[in-house]
Amino acid sequence: MNVERTHDRIYLDEYYKANPKEYFKLVFKEMKKDWGDALESKRILDIGCATGEFLYYLRGQMPAANLYGLDVMQELLEKAGVGIQTYCADISDEITLPAETFDICTMMGVLSILTITRVY
């Protein structure tokens, strides 16, 4: 079944890089609480990163961090910015997923729209 993903296009016109969402700050604070100074050395993947706004916020907090973004739409990833490795993949299709491993994965905006039809 081919589903048109019209909700993704709204991110092309949004720009939170200059004014980050409050939950970006909260998530970073919790990550910092859990990992401390070691956080900056972790490989962090944001699943469903859209244009990479959360990763952009993290880059401002941790300039040397290893940041990665994954999204299903290449057009969004093209706006992710410098210093962020991106993957165009569908998390419900393991064939498209990157072979690399990550220390921390976030998935903030995707959970509310994700439909998994396969049970593991």
N, C-alpha and C. Protein backbone atom coordinates (compact mmCIF):
# COMPACT_ATOMS: atom_id res chain seq x y z
N MET A 1 0.84 -1.17 0.00
CA MET A 1 0.00 0.00 0.00
C MET A 1 0.89 1.24 0.00
N ASN A 2 0.64 2.14 -0.90
CA ASN A 2 1.41 3.37 -1.00
C ASN A 2 0.61 4.50 -0.34
N VAL A 3 1.18 5.09 0.72
CA VAL A 3 0.50 6.14 1.47
C VAL A 3 1.19 7.46 1.19
N GLU A 4 0.41 8.47 0.85
CA GLU A 4 0.96 9.81 0.63
C GLU A 4 1.27 10.45 1.97
N ARG A 5 2.49 10.92 2.13
CA ARG A 5 2.96 11.47 3.40
C ARG A 5 2.87 13.00 3.36
N THR A 6 1.68 13.52 3.37
CA THR A 6 1.49 14.97 3.25
C THR A 6 1.95 15.73 4.49
N HIS A 7 1.95 15.10 5.66
CA HIS A 7 2.34 15.80 6.89
C HIS A 7 3.82 16.17 6.91
N ASP A 8 4.66 15.45 6.17
CA ASP A 8 6.09 15.75 6.16
C ASP A 8 6.41 17.11 5.56
N ARG A 9 5.63 17.54 4.61
CA ARG A 9 5.91 18.78 3.90
C ARG A 9 5.83 20.02 4.79
N ILE A 10 5.10 19.96 5.89
CA ILE A 10 5.01 21.13 6.76
C ILE A 10 6.37 21.52 7.32
N TYR A 11 7.25 20.55 7.48
CA TYR A 11 8.58 20.84 8.03
C TYR A 11 9.45 21.62 7.06
N LEU A 12 9.14 21.58 5.79
CA LEU A 12 9.93 22.33 4.81
C LEU A 12 9.78 23.83 5.01
N ASP A 13 8.65 24.25 5.55
CA ASP A 13 8.39 25.68 5.74
C ASP A 13 8.64 26.17 7.16
N GLU A 14 8.82 25.24 8.11
CA GLU A 14 9.09 25.63 9.50
C GLU A 14 10.58 25.92 9.67
N TYR A 15 10.88 26.77 10.63
CA TYR A 15 12.29 27.07 10.91
C TYR A 15 12.45 27.33 12.40
N TYR A 16 12.82 26.27 13.13
CA TYR A 16 13.01 26.38 14.57
C TYR A 16 14.48 26.49 14.95
N LYS A 17 15.35 26.59 13.97
CA LYS A 17 16.78 26.64 14.30
C LYS A 17 17.13 27.92 15.05
N ALA A 18 16.48 29.02 14.73
CA ALA A 18 16.76 30.28 15.42
C ALA A 18 16.05 30.35 16.77
N ASN A 19 14.96 29.61 16.92
CA ASN A 19 14.18 29.63 18.15
C ASN A 19 13.76 28.19 18.47
N PRO A 20 14.65 27.43 19.12
CA PRO A 20 14.39 26.00 19.33
C PRO A 20 13.15 25.73 20.18
N LYS A 21 12.51 24.62 19.87
CA LYS A 21 11.34 24.20 20.64
C LYS A 21 11.75 23.94 22.09
N GLU A 22 10.85 24.21 23.00
CA GLU A 22 11.15 24.03 24.42
C GLU A 22 11.46 22.58 24.76
N TYR A 23 10.81 21.64 24.10
CA TYR A 23 11.10 20.24 24.43
C TYR A 23 12.48 19.81 23.94
N PHE A 24 13.08 20.51 22.98
CA PHE A 24 14.47 20.23 22.62
C PHE A 24 15.36 20.50 23.83
N LYS A 25 15.11 21.62 24.50
CA LYS A 25 15.89 22.00 25.68
C LYS A 25 15.70 21.00 26.81
N LEU A 26 14.47 20.56 27.00
CA LEU A 26 14.17 19.59 28.06
C LEU A 26 14.84 18.25 27.79
N VAL A 27 14.75 17.77 26.57
CA VAL A 27 15.38 16.49 26.23
C VAL A 27 16.89 16.58 26.40
N PHE A 28 17.50 17.67 25.94
CA PHE A 28 18.95 17.83 26.12
C PHE A 28 19.32 17.83 27.60
N LYS A 29 18.55 18.54 28.40
CA LYS A 29 18.81 18.60 29.84
C LYS A 29 18.78 17.19 30.46
N GLU A 30 17.81 16.38 30.07
CA GLU A 30 17.70 15.01 30.59
C GLU A 30 18.85 14.15 30.08
N MET A 31 19.23 14.32 28.83
CA MET A 31 20.36 13.57 28.28
C MET A 31 21.64 13.93 29.04
N LYS A 32 21.82 15.20 29.29
CA LYS A 32 23.01 15.68 30.00
C LYS A 32 23.02 15.15 31.44
N LYS A 33 21.84 15.08 32.04
CA LYS A 33 21.73 14.55 33.40
C LYS A 33 22.15 13.07 33.42
N ASP A 34 21.74 12.32 32.41
CA ASP A 34 22.06 10.88 32.35
C ASP A 34 23.51 10.60 31.96
N TRP A 35 24.05 11.37 31.00
CA TRP A 35 25.36 11.07 30.45
C TRP A 35 26.47 12.00 30.91
N GLY A 36 26.13 13.16 31.45
CA GLY A 36 27.15 14.11 31.90
C GLY A 36 28.05 14.55 30.76
N ASP A 37 29.33 14.74 31.09
CA ASP A 37 30.29 15.20 30.09
C ASP A 37 30.54 14.18 28.98
N ALA A 38 30.22 12.92 29.24
CA ALA A 38 30.42 11.88 28.23
C ALA A 38 29.43 11.99 27.08
N LEU A 39 28.38 12.78 27.24
CA LEU A 39 27.35 12.91 26.21
C LEU A 39 27.95 13.34 24.88
N GLU A 40 28.87 14.26 24.92
CA GLU A 40 29.43 14.80 23.68
C GLU A 40 30.22 13.76 22.89
N SER A 41 30.66 12.69 23.52
CA SER A 41 31.40 11.64 22.81
C SER A 41 30.49 10.54 22.28
N LYS A 42 29.21 10.60 22.57
CA LYS A 42 28.27 9.57 22.14
C LYS A 42 27.81 9.80 20.70
N ARG A 43 27.48 8.70 20.04
CA ARG A 43 26.90 8.75 18.69
C ARG A 43 25.38 8.88 18.87
N ILE A 44 24.84 10.03 18.48
CA ILE A 44 23.43 10.34 18.73
C ILE A 44 22.67 10.35 17.40
N LEU A 45 21.63 9.52 17.33
CA LEU A 45 20.78 9.44 16.14
C LEU A 45 19.39 9.97 16.48
N ASP A 46 18.90 10.89 15.67
CA ASP A 46 17.53 11.36 15.80
C ASP A 46 16.71 10.74 14.67
N ILE A 47 15.81 9.83 15.04
CA ILE A 47 14.96 9.14 14.08
C ILE A 47 13.76 10.04 13.77
N GLY A 48 13.53 10.24 12.48
CA GLY A 48 12.46 11.16 12.08
C GLY A 48 12.89 12.59 12.27
N CYS A 49 14.12 12.88 11.92
CA CYS A 49 14.72 14.18 12.23
C CYS A 49 14.18 15.34 11.40
N ALA A 50 13.43 15.05 10.34
CA ALA A 50 12.91 16.08 9.44
C ALA A 50 14.08 16.94 8.93
N THR A 51 14.08 18.23 9.19
CA THR A 51 15.16 19.10 8.70
C THR A 51 16.32 19.23 9.69
N GLY A 52 16.33 18.41 10.73
CA GLY A 52 17.45 18.37 11.66
C GLY A 52 17.46 19.45 12.72
N GLU A 53 16.32 20.00 13.05
CA GLU A 53 16.28 21.11 14.00
C GLU A 53 16.75 20.72 15.40
N PHE A 54 16.37 19.53 15.86
CA PHE A 54 16.84 19.09 17.18
C PHE A 54 18.36 18.87 17.14
N LEU A 55 18.86 18.28 16.08
CA LEU A 55 20.30 18.06 15.94
C LEU A 55 21.04 19.38 15.86
N TYR A 56 20.46 20.35 15.20
CA TYR A 56 21.05 21.69 15.12
C TYR A 56 21.16 22.29 16.53
N TYR A 57 20.12 22.10 17.32
CA TYR A 57 20.15 22.58 18.71
C TYR A 57 21.26 21.86 19.49
N LEU A 58 21.34 20.54 19.33
CA LEU A 58 22.40 19.79 20.02
C LEU A 58 23.78 20.27 19.59
N ARG A 59 23.95 20.57 18.30
CA ARG A 59 25.25 21.05 17.80
C ARG A 59 25.64 22.34 18.52
N GLY A 60 24.69 23.20 18.77
CA GLY A 60 24.97 24.44 19.49
C GLY A 60 25.39 24.20 20.93
N GLN A 61 24.88 23.15 21.54
CA GLN A 61 25.22 22.81 22.92
C GLN A 61 26.51 22.00 23.02
N MET A 62 26.77 21.20 21.97
CA MET A 62 27.92 20.29 21.97
C MET A 62 28.58 20.33 20.60
N PRO A 63 29.46 21.28 20.36
CA PRO A 63 30.04 21.47 19.02
C PRO A 63 30.77 20.25 18.45
N ALA A 64 31.31 19.40 19.30
CA ALA A 64 32.08 18.25 18.81
C ALA A 64 31.27 16.95 18.78
N ALA A 65 29.98 17.02 19.03
CA ALA A 65 29.15 15.81 19.12
C ALA A 65 29.06 15.09 17.78
N ASN A 66 28.86 13.78 17.86
CA ASN A 66 28.67 12.92 16.69
C ASN A 66 27.16 12.81 16.44
N LEU A 67 26.64 13.60 15.52
CA LEU A 67 25.20 13.70 15.32
C LEU A 67 24.77 13.10 13.99
N TYR A 68 23.67 12.35 14.04
CA TYR A 68 23.15 11.66 12.87
C TYR A 68 21.64 11.85 12.83
N GLY A 69 21.11 11.97 11.63
CA GLY A 69 19.67 12.11 11.46
C GLY A 69 19.15 11.10 10.46
N LEU A 70 17.97 10.59 10.72
CA LEU A 70 17.33 9.63 9.84
C LEU A 70 15.92 10.11 9.56
N ASP A 71 15.56 10.15 8.29
CA ASP A 71 14.21 10.52 7.92
C ASP A 71 13.85 9.80 6.63
N VAL A 72 12.57 9.67 6.38
CA VAL A 72 12.09 8.97 5.21
C VAL A 72 12.08 9.86 3.96
N MET A 73 12.26 11.14 4.15
CA MET A 73 12.12 12.08 3.04
C MET A 73 13.44 12.83 2.78
N GLN A 74 14.06 12.54 1.64
CA GLN A 74 15.35 13.13 1.29
C GLN A 74 15.28 14.66 1.23
N GLU A 75 14.19 15.20 0.77
CA GLU A 75 14.02 16.65 0.66
C GLU A 75 14.18 17.34 2.03
N LEU A 76 13.72 16.70 3.08
CA LEU A 76 13.89 17.24 4.43
C LEU A 76 15.35 17.15 4.86
N LEU A 77 15.97 16.01 4.61
CA LEU A 77 17.36 15.79 5.02
C LEU A 77 18.32 16.79 4.38
N GLU A 78 18.00 17.24 3.19
CA GLU A 78 18.85 18.20 2.49
C GLU A 78 18.95 19.52 3.23
N LYS A 79 18.03 19.78 4.15
CA LYS A 79 18.06 21.01 4.95
C LYS A 79 18.69 20.80 6.33
N ALA A 80 19.22 19.62 6.58
CA ALA A 80 19.74 19.30 7.91
C ALA A 80 20.96 20.14 8.29
N GLY A 81 21.75 20.51 7.36
CA GLY A 81 22.88 21.37 7.68
C GLY A 81 24.21 20.65 7.76
N VAL A 82 25.23 21.43 7.93
CA VAL A 82 26.61 20.95 7.95
C VAL A 82 26.91 20.23 9.26
N GLY A 83 27.69 19.19 9.17
CA GLY A 83 28.15 18.48 10.37
C GLY A 83 27.18 17.44 10.90
N ILE A 84 26.15 17.14 10.14
CA ILE A 84 25.19 16.12 10.54
C ILE A 84 25.12 15.07 9.44
N GLN A 85 25.49 13.85 9.77
CA GLN A 85 25.39 12.73 8.82
C GLN A 85 23.92 12.32 8.75
N THR A 86 23.37 12.21 7.54
CA THR A 86 21.96 11.86 7.42
C THR A 86 21.78 10.55 6.66
N TYR A 87 20.67 9.91 6.95
CA TYR A 87 20.28 8.66 6.30
C TYR A 87 18.83 8.79 5.85
N CYS A 88 18.57 8.50 4.59
CA CYS A 88 17.20 8.45 4.10
C CYS A 88 16.75 7.00 4.25
N ALA A 89 15.87 6.76 5.20
CA ALA A 89 15.45 5.40 5.52
C ALA A 89 14.08 5.40 6.16
N ASP A 90 13.46 4.24 6.15
CA ASP A 90 12.15 4.04 6.75
C ASP A 90 12.34 3.10 7.94
N ILE A 91 12.04 3.55 9.15
CA ILE A 91 12.30 2.71 10.32
C ILE A 91 11.43 1.47 10.38
N SER A 92 10.38 1.43 9.58
CA SER A 92 9.56 0.22 9.55
C SER A 92 10.04 -0.77 8.49
N ASP A 93 11.14 -0.44 7.81
CA ASP A 93 11.72 -1.31 6.79
C ASP A 93 13.19 -1.49 7.09
N GLU A 94 13.53 -2.57 7.78
CA GLU A 94 14.90 -2.76 8.25
C GLU A 94 15.93 -2.82 7.12
N ILE A 95 15.52 -3.13 5.92
CA ILE A 95 16.45 -3.17 4.79
C ILE A 95 17.03 -1.79 4.51
N THR A 96 16.28 -0.74 4.77
CA THR A 96 16.74 0.62 4.48
C THR A 96 17.57 1.24 5.62
N LEU A 97 17.59 0.59 6.77
CA LEU A 97 18.25 1.18 7.94
C LEU A 97 19.77 1.15 7.81
N PRO A 98 20.46 2.13 8.39
CA PRO A 98 21.93 2.12 8.34
C PRO A 98 22.50 0.95 9.12
N ALA A 99 23.66 0.49 8.70
CA ALA A 99 24.32 -0.64 9.36
C ALA A 99 25.04 -0.21 10.63
N GLU A 100 25.31 1.08 10.76
CA GLU A 100 26.02 1.60 11.93
C GLU A 100 25.21 1.41 13.21
N THR A 101 25.91 1.52 14.33
CA THR A 101 25.24 1.49 15.63
C THR A 101 25.38 2.87 16.28
N PHE A 102 24.49 3.14 17.22
CA PHE A 102 24.46 4.44 17.87
C PHE A 102 24.32 4.24 19.37
N ASP A 103 24.84 5.18 20.13
CA ASP A 103 24.77 5.10 21.59
C ASP A 103 23.43 5.59 22.12
N ILE A 104 22.90 6.62 21.49
CA ILE A 104 21.65 7.24 21.93
C ILE A 104 20.78 7.48 20.70
N CYS A 105 19.52 7.09 20.79
CA CYS A 105 18.56 7.34 19.71
C CYS A 105 17.38 8.12 20.28
N THR A 106 17.01 9.16 19.59
CA THR A 106 15.81 9.91 19.95
C THR A 106 14.79 9.72 18.84
N MET A 107 13.53 9.83 19.19
CA MET A 107 12.46 9.69 18.20
C MET A 107 11.26 10.45 18.74
N MET A 108 11.33 11.76 18.66
CA MET A 108 10.32 12.58 19.32
C MET A 108 9.07 12.83 18.49
N GLY A 109 9.21 13.21 17.25
CA GLY A 109 8.05 13.54 16.45
C GLY A 109 7.41 12.36 15.75
N VAL A 110 8.12 11.27 15.65
CA VAL A 110 7.66 10.12 14.86
C VAL A 110 6.65 9.25 15.61
N LEU A 111 6.79 9.14 16.90
CA LEU A 111 5.95 8.21 17.65
C LEU A 111 4.46 8.47 17.47
N SER A 112 4.07 9.71 17.34
CA SER A 112 2.64 10.02 17.21
C SER A 112 2.06 9.68 15.85
N ILE A 113 2.92 9.46 14.83
CA ILE A 113 2.41 9.17 13.49
C ILE A 113 2.81 7.79 13.00
N LEU A 114 3.59 7.07 13.79
CA LEU A 114 4.12 5.78 13.38
C LEU A 114 3.07 4.68 13.48
N THR A 115 2.99 3.91 12.44
CA THR A 115 2.13 2.72 12.44
C THR A 115 3.00 1.53 12.10
N ILE A 116 3.14 0.62 13.01
CA ILE A 116 3.91 -0.60 12.77
C ILE A 116 2.91 -1.73 12.53
N THR A 117 3.05 -2.38 11.42
CA THR A 117 2.10 -3.45 11.10
C THR A 117 2.69 -4.83 11.35
N ARG A 118 3.97 -4.89 11.61
CA ARG A 118 4.62 -6.17 11.84
C ARG A 118 4.92 -6.32 13.33
N VAL A 119 4.64 -7.47 13.88
CA VAL A 119 4.90 -7.75 15.30
C VAL A 119 6.18 -8.57 15.39
N TYR A 120 7.07 -8.20 16.30
CA TYR A 120 8.33 -8.93 16.48
C TYR A 120 8.23 -9.87 17.63
